[in-house]
PDB file of N, CA and C in Angstrom:
ATOM      1  N   ALA A   1     102.587  91.310  52.808  1.00  0.00           N
ATOM      2  CA  ALA A   1     104.091  90.490  52.922  1.00  0.00           C
ATOM      3  C   ALA A   1     105.197  91.009  53.752  1.00  0.00           C
ATOM      4  N   ASP A   2     105.408  90.358  54.416  1.00  0.00           N
ATOM      5  CA  ASP A   2     106.483  89.338  54.942  1.00  0.00           C
ATOM      6  C   ASP A   2     107.872  90.219  55.195  1.00  0.00           C
ATOM      7  N   PRO A   3     108.523  91.493  55.578  1.00  0.00           N
ATOM      8  CA  PRO A   3     109.382  91.950  54.668  1.00  0.00           C
ATOM      9  C   PRO A   3     111.050  91.368  54.928  1.00  0.00           C
ATOM     10  N   SER A   4     110.714  89.548  56.078  1.00  0.00           N
ATOM     11  CA  SER A   4     111.867  89.064  56.248  1.00  0.00           C
ATOM     12  C   SER A   4     112.731  88.109  55.168  1.00  0.00           C
ATOM     13  N   THR A   5     111.430  87.821  54.712  1.00  0.00           N
ATOM     14  CA  THR A   5     111.339  86.515  53.612  1.00  0.00           C
ATOM     15  C   THR A   5     112.885  88.053  51.455  1.00  0.00           C
ATOM     16  N   GLY A   6     112.691  88.690  52.159  1.00  0.00           N
ATOM     17  CA  GLY A   6     112.894  89.699  50.548  1.00  0.00           C
ATOM     18  C   GLY A   6     111.882  90.377  50.328  1.00  0.00           C
ATOM     19  N   ASN A   7     112.253  90.924  49.278  1.00  0.00           N
ATOM     20  CA  ASN A   7     111.269  91.845  48.520  1.00  0.00           C
ATOM     21  C   ASN A   7     110.252  91.254  47.741  1.00  0.00           C
ATOM     22  N   PRO A   8     108.705  91.885  48.061  1.00  0.00           N
ATOM     23  CA  PRO A   8     108.078  91.753  47.560  1.00  0.00           C
ATOM     24  C   PRO A   8     107.490  92.574  46.349  1.00  0.00           C
ATOM     25  N   VAL A   9     107.957  93.378  46.201  1.00  0.00           N
ATOM     26  CA  VAL A   9     107.497  94.489  45.417  1.00  0.00           C
ATOM     27  C   VAL A   9     108.490  94.621  43.920  1.00  0.00           C
ATOM     28  N   GLU A  10     108.748  94.603  43.286  1.00  0.00           N
ATOM     29  CA  GLU A  10     109.325  94.442  41.527  1.00  0.00           C
ATOM     30  C   GLU A  10     109.652  95.523  41.522  1.00  0.00           C
ATOM     31  N   PRO A  11     110.796  95.429  40.391  1.00  0.00           N
ATOM     32  CA  PRO A  11     112.198  97.055  40.386  1.00  0.00           C
ATOM     33  C   PRO A  11     111.765  96.769  39.060  1.00  0.00           C
ATOM     34  N   THR A  12     110.366  97.486  39.124  1.00  0.00           N
ATOM     35  CA  THR A  12     109.478  98.066  37.293  1.00  0.00           C
ATOM     36  C   THR A  12     109.328  99.493  37.822  1.00  0.00           C
ATOM     37  N   GLU A  13     109.431  99.753  36.026  1.00  0.00           N
ATOM     38  CA  GLU A  13     109.725 101.382  36.256  1.00  0.00           C
ATOM     39  C   GLU A  13     109.232 102.568  37.260  1.00  0.00           C
ATOM     40  N   ALA A  14     108.125 102.157  37.484  1.00  0.00           N
ATOM     41  CA  ALA A  14     107.157 102.626  38.109  1.00  0.00           C
ATOM     42  C   ALA A  14     107.761 102.607  39.000  1.00  0.00           C
ATOM     43  N   SER A  15     108.482 101.620  40.309  1.00  0.00           N
ATOM     44  CA  SER A  15     108.204 101.154  41.719  1.00  0.00           C
ATOM     45  C   SER A  15     110.175 102.521  41.710  1.00  0.00           C
ATOM     46  N   VAL A  16     111.040 102.177  40.597  1.00  0.00           N
ATOM     47  CA  VAL A  16     111.564 102.968  41.136  1.00  0.00           C
ATOM     48  C   VAL A  16     111.564 104.559  41.150  1.00  0.00           C
ATOM     49  N   ALA A  17     110.791 104.660  39.771  1.00  0.00           N
ATOM     50  CA  ALA A  17     110.268 106.984  39.503  1.00  0.00           C
ATOM     51  C   ALA A  17     109.936 106.582  40.749  1.00  0.00           C
ATOM     52  N   ARG A  18     108.565 105.929  41.264  1.00  0.00           N
ATOM     53  CA  ARG A  18     108.044 106.556  42.764  1.00  0.00           C
ATOM     54  C   ARG A  18     109.296 106.513  43.587  1.00  0.00           C
ATOM     55  N   GLY A  19     110.162 105.281  44.065  1.00  0.00           N
ATOM     56  CA  GLY A  19     111.480 105.725  44.681  1.00  0.00           C
ATOM     57  C   GLY A  19     112.383 106.765  44.829  1.00  0.00           C
ATOM     58  N   MET A  20     112.489 107.385  43.467  1.00  0.00           N
ATOM     59  CA  MET A  20     112.842 107.769  43.485  1.00  0.00           C
ATOM     60  C   MET A  20     112.644 109.353  43.234  1.00  0.00           C
ATOM     61  N   GLU A  21     111.701 110.276  43.428  1.00  0.00           N
ATOM     62  CA  GLU A  21     110.640 110.801  44.424  1.00  0.00           C
ATOM     63  C   GLU A  21     109.914 111.028  45.758  1.00  0.00           C
ATOM     64  N   LEU A  22     110.396 109.940  46.338  1.00  0.00           N
ATOM     65  CA  LEU A  22     110.629 109.860  47.186  1.00  0.00           C
ATOM     66  C   LEU A  22     111.785 110.501  48.538  1.00  0.00           C
ATOM     67  N   PHE A  23     112.896 109.534  47.782  1.00  0.00           N
ATOM     68  CA  PHE A  23     114.354 110.176  48.146  1.00  0.00           C
ATOM     69  C   PHE A  23     115.098 111.537  48.009  1.00  0.00           C
ATOM     70  N   GLN A  24     113.825 112.482  46.712  1.00  0.00           N
ATOM     71  CA  GLN A  24     113.973 113.256  46.462  1.00  0.00           C
ATOM     72  C   GLN A  24     113.900 114.613  47.551  1.00  0.00           C
ATOM     73  N   GLN A  25     111.931 113.505  47.630  1.00  0.00           N
ATOM     74  CA  GLN A  25     111.408 114.147  48.189  1.00  0.00           C
ATOM     75  C   GLN A  25     112.052 114.466  50.117  1.00  0.00           C
ATOM     76  N   ASN A  26     112.919 113.453  50.615  1.00  0.00           N
ATOM     77  CA  ASN A  26     112.829 112.920  52.256  1.00  0.00           C
ATOM     78  C   ASN A  26     114.578 113.279  52.071  1.00  0.00           C
ATOM     79  N   CYS A  27     115.363 112.318  51.615  1.00  0.00           N
ATOM     80  CA  CYS A  27     116.509 111.712  51.288  1.00  0.00           C
ATOM     81  C   CYS A  27     117.608 112.841  51.376  1.00  0.00           C
ATOM     82  N   VAL A  28     117.704 113.859  50.690  1.00  0.00           N
ATOM     83  CA  VAL A  28     118.565 114.255  50.174  1.00  0.00           C
ATOM     84  C   VAL A  28     119.431 115.435  50.687  1.00  0.00           C
ATOM     85  N   THR A  29     118.516 116.275  51.779  1.00  0.00           N
ATOM     86  CA  THR A  29     119.338 116.980  52.865  1.00  0.00           C
ATOM     87  C   THR A  29     120.129 115.649  53.528  1.00  0.00           C
ATOM     88  N   CYS A  30     120.031 114.794  53.526  1.00  0.00           N
ATOM     89  CA  CYS A  30     121.470 114.791  54.629  1.00  0.00           C
ATOM     90  C   CYS A  30     122.079 113.624  53.316  1.00  0.00           C
ATOM     91  N   HIS A  31     121.615 112.735  52.342  1.00  0.00           N
ATOM     92  CA  HIS A  31     122.592 111.981  52.127  1.00  0.00           C
ATOM     93  C   HIS A  31     122.920 112.291  50.434  1.00  0.00           C
ATOM     94  N   GLY A  32     122.236 113.411  50.358  1.00  0.00           N
ATOM     95  CA  GLY A  32     122.411 114.315  48.970  1.00  0.00           C
ATOM     96  C   GLY A  32     121.676 114.105  47.455  1.00  0.00           C
ATOM     97  N   VAL A  33     121.942 114.573  46.354  1.00  0.00           N
ATOM     98  CA  VAL A  33     120.726 114.178  45.086  1.00  0.00           C
ATOM     99  C   VAL A  33     122.115 113.007  44.403  1.00  0.00           C
ATOM    100  N   ASP A  34     123.439 112.846  45.206  1.00  0.00           N
ATOM    101  CA  ASP A  34     123.553 111.624  44.556  1.00  0.00           C
ATOM    102  C   ASP A  34     124.240 110.193  44.651  1.00  0.00           C
ATOM    103  N   GLY A  35     122.580 110.444  46.262  1.00  0.00           N
ATOM    104  CA  GLY A  35     123.359 109.166  47.232  1.00  0.00           C
ATOM    105  C   GLY A  35     124.910 109.262  47.854  1.00  0.00           C
ATOM    106  N   ARG A  36     125.314 110.583  47.841  1.00  0.00           N
ATOM    107  CA  ARG A  36     127.254 110.274  48.376  1.00  0.00           C
ATOM    108  C   ARG A  36     127.043 110.862  49.381  1.00  0.00           C
ATOM    109  N   GLY A  37     126.134 111.072  51.035  1.00  0.00           N
ATOM    110  CA  GLY A  37     125.893 112.109  52.049  1.00  0.00           C
ATOM    111  C   GLY A  37     127.021 113.113  51.847  1.00  0.00           C
ATOM    112  N   ASP A  38     126.690 113.901  50.891  1.00  0.00           N
ATOM    113  CA  ASP A  38     126.481 114.898  50.959  1.00  0.00           C
ATOM    114  C   ASP A  38     125.863 115.914  50.928  1.00  0.00           C
ATOM    115  N   GLY A  39     124.489 114.873  51.434  1.00  0.00           N
ATOM    116  CA  GLY A  39     123.739 116.418  52.125  1.00  0.00           C
ATOM    117  C   GLY A  39     123.454 118.283  52.330  1.00  0.00           C
ATOM    118  N   PRO A  40     122.887 118.933  52.180  1.00  0.00           N
ATOM    119  CA  PRO A  40     122.938 119.661  52.397  1.00  0.00           C
ATOM    120  C   PRO A  40     123.417 120.209  54.219  1.00  0.00           C
ATOM    121  N   THR A  41     122.236 119.072  54.963  1.00  0.00           N
ATOM    122  CA  THR A  41     122.782 119.482  55.839  1.00  0.00           C
ATOM    123  C   THR A  41     123.735 118.486  56.637  1.00  0.00           C
ATOM    124  N   ALA A  42     124.148 117.672  55.264  1.00  0.00           N
ATOM    125  CA  ALA A  42     124.853 116.335  55.677  1.00  0.00           C
ATOM    126  C   ALA A  42     126.777 116.902  57.525  1.00  0.00           C
ATOM    127  N   PRO A  43     127.083 117.978  56.972  1.00  0.00           N
ATOM    128  CA  PRO A  43     128.257 118.413  58.208  1.00  0.00           C
ATOM    129  C   PRO A  43     127.291 118.709  59.077  1.00  0.00           C
ATOM    130  N   SER A  44     126.087 119.004  59.513  1.00  0.00           N
ATOM    131  CA  SER A  44     126.412 118.555  60.764  1.00  0.00           C
ATOM    132  C   SER A  44     126.340 117.456  61.460  1.00  0.00           C
ATOM    133  N   LEU A  45     126.113 116.261  60.861  1.00  0.00           N
ATOM    134  CA  LEU A  45     125.487 114.798  61.204  1.00  0.00           C
ATOM    135  C   LEU A  45     127.147 114.600  61.628  1.00  0.00           C
ATOM    136  N   ASN A  46     127.367 113.893  62.624  1.00  0.00           N
ATOM    137  CA  ASN A  46     128.301 112.901  63.391  1.00  0.00           C
ATOM    138  C   ASN A  46     127.574 111.235  63.265  1.00  0.00           C
ATOM    139  N   PRO A  47     127.272 110.450  63.130  1.00  0.00           N
ATOM    140  CA  PRO A  47     128.489 110.259  61.763  1.00  0.00           C
ATOM    141  C   PRO A  47     127.787 110.769  61.388  1.00  0.00           C
ATOM    142  N   ALA A  48     127.696 110.966  59.670  1.00  0.00           N
ATOM    143  CA  ALA A  48     128.122 111.901  58.320  1.00  0.00           C
ATOM    144  C   ALA A  48     127.392 110.629  58.137  1.00  0.00           C
ATOM    145  N   PRO A  49     126.184 110.463  57.258  1.00  0.00           N
ATOM    146  CA  PRO A  49     125.262 110.090  56.474  1.00  0.00           C
ATOM    147  C   PRO A  49     125.862 109.536  55.421  1.00  0.00           C
ATOM    148  N   SER A  50     125.822 108.003  55.504  1.00  0.00           N
ATOM    149  CA  SER A  50     125.766 106.579  54.585  1.00  0.00           C
ATOM    150  C   SER A  50     125.970 107.355  52.914  1.00  0.00           C
ATOM    151  N   ASP A  51     127.286 107.119  52.442  1.00  0.00           N
ATOM    152  CA  ASP A  51     126.945 107.155  50.889  1.00  0.00           C
ATOM    153  C   ASP A  51     126.542 106.264  49.882  1.00  0.00           C
ATOM    154  N   PHE A  52     125.743 106.212  49.498  1.00  0.00           N
ATOM    155  CA  PHE A  52     125.354 104.791  48.532  1.00  0.00           C
ATOM    156  C   PHE A  52     126.213 103.790  48.388  1.00  0.00           C
ATOM    157  N   ARG A  53     127.114 105.005  47.308  1.00  0.00           N
ATOM    158  CA  ARG A  53     127.735 103.964  46.240  1.00  0.00           C
ATOM    159  C   ARG A  53     128.715 102.913  47.255  1.00  0.00           C
ATOM    160  N   LEU A  54     128.711 103.325  48.780  1.00  0.00           N
ATOM    161  CA  LEU A  54     129.744 102.462  49.242  1.00  0.00           C
ATOM    162  C   LEU A  54     129.091 101.927  49.809  1.00  0.00           C
ATOM    163  N   HIS A  55     127.726 101.530  50.196  1.00  0.00           N
ATOM    164  CA  HIS A  55     127.198 100.312  51.150  1.00  0.00           C
ATOM    165  C   HIS A  55     125.713 100.227  50.845  1.00  0.00           C
ATOM    166  N   VAL A  56     124.840 100.531  49.779  1.00  0.00           N
ATOM    167  CA  VAL A  56     124.354  98.969  49.233  1.00  0.00           C
ATOM    168  C   VAL A  56     124.519  98.750  48.624  1.00  0.00           C
ATOM    169  N   PRO A  57     125.454  98.183  47.866  1.00  0.00           N
ATOM    170  CA  PRO A  57     126.420  96.984  47.908  1.00  0.00           C
ATOM    171  C   PRO A  57     126.215  95.871  48.221  1.00  0.00           C
ATOM    172  N   TYR A  58     126.991  96.108  49.661  1.00  0.00           N
ATOM    173  CA  TYR A  58     126.599  95.385  51.100  1.00  0.00           C
ATOM    174  C   TYR A  58     125.238  94.708  51.330  1.00  0.00           C
ATOM    175  N   HIS A  59     124.789  94.931  51.513  1.00  0.00           N
ATOM    176  CA  HIS A  59     123.390  95.550  52.120  1.00  0.00           C
ATOM    177  C   HIS A  59     121.964  94.162  51.067  1.00  0.00           C
ATOM    178  N   THR A  60     121.765  93.544  52.128  1.00  0.00           N
ATOM    179  CA  THR A  60     120.276  92.634  51.408  1.00  0.00           C
ATOM    180  C   THR A  60     118.972  93.999  51.418  1.00  0.00           C
ATOM    181  N   ASP A  61     118.261  93.882  50.288  1.00  0.00           N
ATOM    182  CA  ASP A  61     116.932  94.660  50.435  1.00  0.00           C
ATOM    183  C   ASP A  61     117.095  94.768  51.673  1.00  0.00           C
ATOM    184  N   VAL A  62     116.731  93.272  52.685  1.00  0.00           N
ATOM    185  CA  VAL A  62     116.072  92.794  53.559  1.00  0.00           C
ATOM    186  C   VAL A  62     116.710  94.512  54.853  1.00  0.00           C
ATOM    187  N   GLU A  63     117.607  94.304  54.483  1.00  0.00           N
ATOM    188  CA  GLU A  63     118.615  95.355  55.542  1.00  0.00           C
ATOM    189  C   GLU A  63     118.800  96.607  55.081  1.00  0.00           C
ATOM    190  N   LEU A  64     118.565  96.577  53.741  1.00  0.00           N
ATOM    191  CA  LEU A  64     118.440  98.469  53.340  1.00  0.00           C
ATOM    192  C   LEU A  64     116.550  99.076  53.823  1.00  0.00           C
ATOM    193  N   PHE A  65     115.730  97.788  53.720  1.00  0.00           N
ATOM    194  CA  PHE A  65     114.215  98.087  54.467  1.00  0.00           C
ATOM    195  C   PHE A  65     114.212  98.191  55.375  1.00  0.00           C
ATOM    196  N   LYS A  66     115.095  97.437  56.162  1.00  0.00           N
ATOM    197  CA  LYS A  66     114.674  97.083  57.909  1.00  0.00           C
ATOM    198  C   LYS A  66     115.767  98.864  58.199  1.00  0.00           C
ATOM    199  N   PHE A  67     116.031 100.115  57.393  1.00  0.00           N
ATOM    200  CA  PHE A  67     116.789 101.235  57.961  1.00  0.00           C
ATOM    201  C   PHE A  67     116.859 102.112  57.863  1.00  0.00           C
ATOM    202  N   ILE A  68     115.668 101.892  56.520  1.00  0.00           N
ATOM    203  CA  ILE A  68     114.870 102.850  56.111  1.00  0.00           C
ATOM    204  C   ILE A  68     113.604 103.529  56.584  1.00  0.00           C
ATOM    205  N   ALA A  69     112.578 102.018  57.639  1.00  0.00           N
ATOM    206  CA  ALA A  69     112.198 101.679  58.319  1.00  0.00           C
ATOM    207  C   ALA A  69     111.818 101.433  59.515  1.00  0.00           C
ATOM    208  N   ASP A  70     113.195 101.343  60.523  1.00  0.00           N
ATOM    209  CA  ASP A  70     113.629 101.512  61.819  1.00  0.00           C
ATOM    210  C   ASP A  70     114.528 102.113  62.160  1.00  0.00           C
ATOM    211  N   GLY A  71     115.267 103.429  61.138  1.00  0.00           N
ATOM    212  CA  GLY A  71     115.671 103.777  61.156  1.00  0.00           C
ATOM    213  C   GLY A  71     117.620 103.457  61.782  1.00  0.00           C
ATOM    214  N   TYR A  72     119.244 104.091  61.825  1.00  0.00           N
ATOM    215  CA  TYR A  72     119.519 103.636  61.984  1.00  0.00           C
ATOM    216  C   TYR A  72     120.596 104.067  63.324  1.00  0.00           C
ATOM    217  N   PRO A  73     120.941 103.453  64.317  1.00  0.00           N
ATOM    218  CA  PRO A  73     120.435 103.588  65.840  1.00  0.00           C
ATOM    219  C   PRO A  73     121.924 103.722  65.719  1.00  0.00           C
ATOM    220  N   GLY A  74     122.237 105.178  66.801  1.00  0.00           N
ATOM    221  CA  GLY A  74     123.286 105.739  66.297  1.00  0.00           C
ATOM    222  C   GLY A  74     123.998 107.148  65.878  1.00  0.00           C
ATOM    223  N   THR A  75     123.082 107.050  64.708  1.00  0.00           N
ATOM    224  CA  THR A  75     122.987 108.713  63.994  1.00  0.00           C
ATOM    225  C   THR A  75     122.440 109.107  63.721  1.00  0.00           C
ATOM    226  N   ALA A  76     122.057 110.012  62.730  1.00  0.00           N
ATOM    227  CA  ALA A  76     120.737 111.076  62.385  1.00  0.00           C
ATOM    228  C   ALA A  76     119.529 110.196  62.102  1.00  0.00           C
ATOM    229  N   MET A  77     120.002 109.497  61.725  1.00  0.00           N
ATOM    230  CA  MET A  77     119.044 107.993  59.990  1.00  0.00           C
ATOM    231  C   MET A  77     117.774 107.954  61.223  1.00  0.00           C
ATOM    232  N   PRO A  78     117.051 108.863  60.903  1.00  0.00           N
ATOM    233  CA  PRO A  78     115.515 108.465  61.859  1.00  0.00           C
ATOM    234  C   PRO A  78     114.812 107.325  61.289  1.00  0.00           C
ATOM    235  N   ALA A  79     113.215 106.942  61.910  1.00  0.00           N
ATOM    236  CA  ALA A  79     112.507 104.978  61.274  1.00  0.00           C
ATOM    237  C   ALA A  79     111.362 105.810  60.097  1.00  0.00           C
ATOM    238  N   TRP A  80     111.790 105.708  59.233  1.00  0.00           N
ATOM    239  CA  TRP A  80     110.297 106.414  58.773  1.00  0.00           C
ATOM    240  C   TRP A  80     109.069 105.264  58.326  1.00  0.00           C
ATOM    241  N   ARG A  81     109.111 104.292  59.181  1.00  0.00           N
ATOM    242  CA  ARG A  81     108.559 103.547  59.594  1.00  0.00           C
ATOM    243  C   ARG A  81     106.518 104.097  58.894  1.00  0.00           C
ATOM    244  N   ASP A  82     106.304 105.283  59.611  1.00  0.00           N
ATOM    245  CA  ASP A  82     105.360 106.046  59.979  1.00  0.00           C
ATOM    246  C   ASP A  82     104.908 106.755  59.393  1.00  0.00           C
ATOM    247  N   GLU A  83     105.767 107.516  58.329  1.00  0.00           N
ATOM    248  CA  GLU A  83     105.390 108.078  57.419  1.00  0.00           C
ATOM    249  C   GLU A  83     105.485 107.405  55.862  1.00  0.00           C
ATOM    250  N   PHE A  84     105.983 105.891  55.589  1.00  0.00           N
ATOM    251  CA  PHE A  84     105.715 105.595  54.021  1.00  0.00           C
ATOM    252  C   PHE A  84     105.307 103.959  54.195  1.00  0.00           C
ATOM    253  N   SER A  85     104.239 104.184  53.341  1.00  0.00           N
ATOM    254  CA  SER A  85     103.439 102.615  53.442  1.00  0.00           C
ATOM    255  C   SER A  85     104.872 101.211  52.959  1.00  0.00           C
ATOM    256  N   GLU A  86     104.507 100.275  53.619  1.00  0.00           N
ATOM    257  CA  GLU A  86     105.968  99.439  53.568  1.00  0.00           C
ATOM    258  C   GLU A  86     106.023  99.165  51.831  1.00  0.00           C
ATOM    259  N   THR A  87     104.680  99.089  50.707  1.00  0.00           N
ATOM    260  CA  THR A  87     105.241  98.934  49.772  1.00  0.00           C
ATOM    261  C   THR A  87     106.215 100.535  49.325  1.00  0.00           C
ATOM    262  N   ASP A  88     105.746 101.774  49.835  1.00  0.00           N
ATOM    263  CA  ASP A  88     106.630 103.017  50.152  1.00  0.00           C
ATOM    264  C   ASP A  88     108.119 102.642  49.700  1.00  0.00           C
ATOM    265  N   ILE A  89     108.405 101.895  51.030  1.00  0.00           N
ATOM    266  CA  ILE A  89     109.770 101.600  51.545  1.00  0.00           C
ATOM    267  C   ILE A  89     110.218 100.283  50.541  1.00  0.00           C
ATOM    268  N   TRP A  90     109.601  99.375  50.335  1.00  0.00           N
ATOM    269  CA  TRP A  90     110.006  98.373  49.037  1.00  0.00           C
ATOM    270  C   TRP A  90     110.756  99.450  47.895  1.00  0.00           C
ATOM    271  N   ASN A  91     109.713 100.636  47.279  1.00  0.00           N
ATOM    272  CA  ASN A  91     110.217 101.628  46.436  1.00  0.00           C
ATOM    273  C   ASN A  91     111.448 101.786  46.394  1.00  0.00           C
ATOM    274  N   LEU A  92     111.230 102.494  47.787  1.00  0.00           N
ATOM    275  CA  LEU A  92     112.629 103.586  47.657  1.00  0.00           C
ATOM    276  C   LEU A  92     114.260 102.408  47.601  1.00  0.00           C
ATOM    277  N   VAL A  93     113.788 100.837  47.720  1.00  0.00           N
ATOM    278  CA  VAL A  93     115.033 100.055  48.338  1.00  0.00           C
ATOM    279  C   VAL A  93     115.241  99.381  47.110  1.00  0.00           C
ATOM    280  N   ASN A  94     114.304  99.791  45.784  1.00  0.00           N
ATOM    281  CA  ASN A  94     114.183  99.573  44.491  1.00  0.00           C
ATOM    282  C   ASN A  94     115.435 100.311  43.982  1.00  0.00           C
ATOM    283  N   PHE A  95     114.799 101.950  44.640  1.00  0.00           N
ATOM    284  CA  PHE A  95     115.502 103.352  43.861  1.00  0.00           C
ATOM    285  C   PHE A  95     116.771 103.142  44.120  1.00  0.00           C
ATOM    286  N   LEU A  96     116.830 102.576  45.878  1.00  0.00           N
ATOM    287  CA  LEU A  96     118.634 102.583  45.396  1.00  0.00           C
ATOM    288  C   LEU A  96     119.689 101.468  45.103  1.00  0.00           C
ATOM    289  N   ARG A  97     118.442 100.332  44.799  1.00  0.00           N
ATOM    290  CA  ARG A  97     119.640  99.345  44.665  1.00  0.00           C
ATOM    291  C   ARG A  97     120.192  99.674  43.193  1.00  0.00           C
ATOM    292  N   ALA A  98     118.561  99.904  42.218  1.00  0.00           N
ATOM    293  CA  ALA A  98     119.305 100.483  40.278  1.00  0.00           C
ATOM    294  C   ALA A  98     120.035 101.658  40.154  1.00  0.00           C
ATOM    295  N   ASN A  99     120.141 102.189  41.367  1.00  0.00           N
ATOM    296  CA  ASN A  99     120.661 103.388  41.380  1.00  0.00           C
ATOM    297  C   ASN A  99     121.984 103.376  42.025  1.00  0.00           C
ATOM    298  N   PHE A 100     121.918 102.491  42.787  1.00  0.00           N
ATOM    299  CA  PHE A 100     123.284 102.392  43.544  1.00  0.00           C
ATOM    300  C   PHE A 100     124.263 100.670  43.585  1.00  0.00           C
ATOM    301  N   THR A 101     123.786  99.933  42.126  1.00  0.00           N
ATOM    302  CA  THR A 101     124.035  98.637  42.431  1.00  0.00           C
ATOM    303  C   THR A 101     123.955  97.367  42.706  1.00  0.00           C
ATOM    304  N   GLU A 102     124.251  96.115  42.394  1.00  0.00           N
ATOM    305  CA  GLU A 102     123.396  94.770  41.811  1.00  0.00           C
ATOM    306  C   GLU A 102     123.353  93.844  43.772  1.00  0.00           C
ATOM    307  N   ALA A 103     122.620  93.448  44.283  1.00  0.00           N
ATOM    308  CA  ALA A 103     122.287  93.024  45.560  1.00  0.00           C
ATOM    309  C   ALA A 103     122.937  91.964  45.823  1.00  0.00           C
ATOM    310  N   PRO A 104     123.734  91.913  47.204  1.00  0.00           N
ATOM    311  CA  PRO A 104     124.550  90.902  47.025  1.00  0.00           C
ATOM    312  C   PRO A 104     124.290  89.540  47.050  1.00  0.00           C
ATOM    313  N   THR A 105     124.390  88.516  47.011  1.00  0.00           N
ATOM    314  CA  THR A 105     124.129  87.002  47.241  1.00  0.00           C
ATOM    315  C   THR A 105     123.931  86.484  48.798  1.00  0.00           C
ATOM    316  N   GLU A 106     124.172  86.682  49.561  1.00  0.00           N
ATOM    317  CA  GLU A 106     124.041  86.372  51.031  1.00  0.00           C
ATOM    318  C   GLU A 106     123.386  87.654  51.570  1.00  0.00           C
TER     319      GLU A 106
END
């Protein structure tokens, strides 16, 4: 699948559940249990981790995929491309979308 064409993984209950599992195992330490950017390591990070309630609504699924896969320059956000399969990155995107808003139309 070509990630530039949009999210190829249906946001099924199973996909969102897998995304939640990955989130809980790998993301809460920085982004926090509720995705507010207030995880245990957050105070030591500059800039602070994203608050998903504020950021997810403004990004497309493809952008979110790239942030997870490639990391985010100038921040502590690492690239997860080598840790997660492409499908699992989309599962994470589906979890974020299900919990933090609707996708923008643009």
